[in-house]
Protein backbone atom coordinates (compact mmCIF):
# COMPACT_ATOMS: atom_id res chain seq x y z
CA UNK A 1 69.59 66.30 140.69
CA UNK A 2 70.78 63.19 139.45
CA UNK A 3 72.73 60.73 141.69
CA UNK A 4 75.82 61.15 139.90
CA UNK A 5 75.57 64.99 140.31
CA UNK A 6 75.18 64.85 143.87
CA UNK A 7 78.09 62.18 144.78
CA UNK A 8 80.21 65.26 142.49
CA UNK A 9 78.96 67.71 145.05
CA UNK A 10 79.64 65.99 148.21
CA UNK A 11 83.11 65.20 146.79
CA UNK A 12 83.91 68.90 145.64
CA UNK A 13 82.63 70.03 149.32
CA UNK A 14 84.34 67.33 151.25
CA UNK A 15 86.77 65.68 148.89
CA UNK A 16 86.54 62.46 147.53
CA UNK A 17 87.64 60.50 150.28
CA UNK A 18 85.80 61.84 152.86
CA UNK A 19 82.41 62.44 150.79
CA UNK A 20 81.23 58.73 151.17
CA UNK A 21 82.51 58.14 154.88
CA UNK A 22 81.06 61.40 156.07
CA UNK A 23 77.43 60.39 154.23
CA UNK A 24 77.61 57.05 156.08
CA UNK A 25 78.03 58.64 159.82
CA UNK A 26 76.93 61.78 159.88
CA UNK A 27 73.36 62.48 161.20
CA UNK A 28 71.43 65.66 159.76
CA UNK A 29 68.83 66.97 161.51
CA UNK A 30 67.69 68.70 158.35
CA UNK A 31 67.04 65.24 156.86
CA UNK A 32 65.03 63.82 160.15
CA UNK A 33 67.93 62.51 161.88
CA UNK A 34 69.26 60.27 159.30
CA UNK A 35 72.55 60.42 157.62
CA UNK A 36 72.77 61.13 153.88
CA UNK A 37 72.92 57.53 153.10
CA UNK A 38 69.88 56.36 155.07
CA UNK A 39 67.53 59.21 153.50
CA UNK A 40 69.18 58.35 149.82
CA UNK A 41 68.06 54.63 150.44
CA UNK A 42 64.35 55.83 151.97
CA UNK A 43 63.56 57.21 148.56
CA UNK A 44 64.55 60.96 149.99
CA UNK A 45 65.18 62.99 146.67
CA UNK A 46 68.97 64.32 145.89
CA UNK A 47 68.26 67.95 145.74
CA UNK A 48 66.38 67.54 149.12
CA UNK A 49 69.89 66.02 150.61
CA UNK A 50 71.67 68.18 148.98
CA UNK A 51 70.12 71.12 150.33
CA UNK A 52 70.85 69.62 153.99
CA UNK A 53 74.04 69.14 152.92
CA UNK A 54 74.90 72.62 152.25
CA UNK A 55 72.65 74.13 155.53
CA UNK A 56 75.05 71.34 157.66
CA UNK A 57 78.04 72.16 156.30
CA UNK A 58 77.49 76.04 155.78
CA UNK A 59 78.20 76.12 152.28
CA UNK A 60 78.84 79.26 150.08
CA UNK A 61 75.25 80.10 148.28
CA UNK A 62 76.44 79.71 145.04
CA UNK A 63 77.48 76.01 145.68
CA UNK A 64 73.36 75.88 146.47
């Protein structure tokens, strides 16, 4: 998944104003106790990050 696609999904799920803040502040167990920003900066695949976000937010399966 391209980074632009990832951020589009984040904004669709959380809203344009909140997605970046949430990604910076919210620690996810599915990312080894890292935030979205930390995981992406460490080189984690954006699809892996999205799946962790999807699980954390309990989004509809069609959004996976």
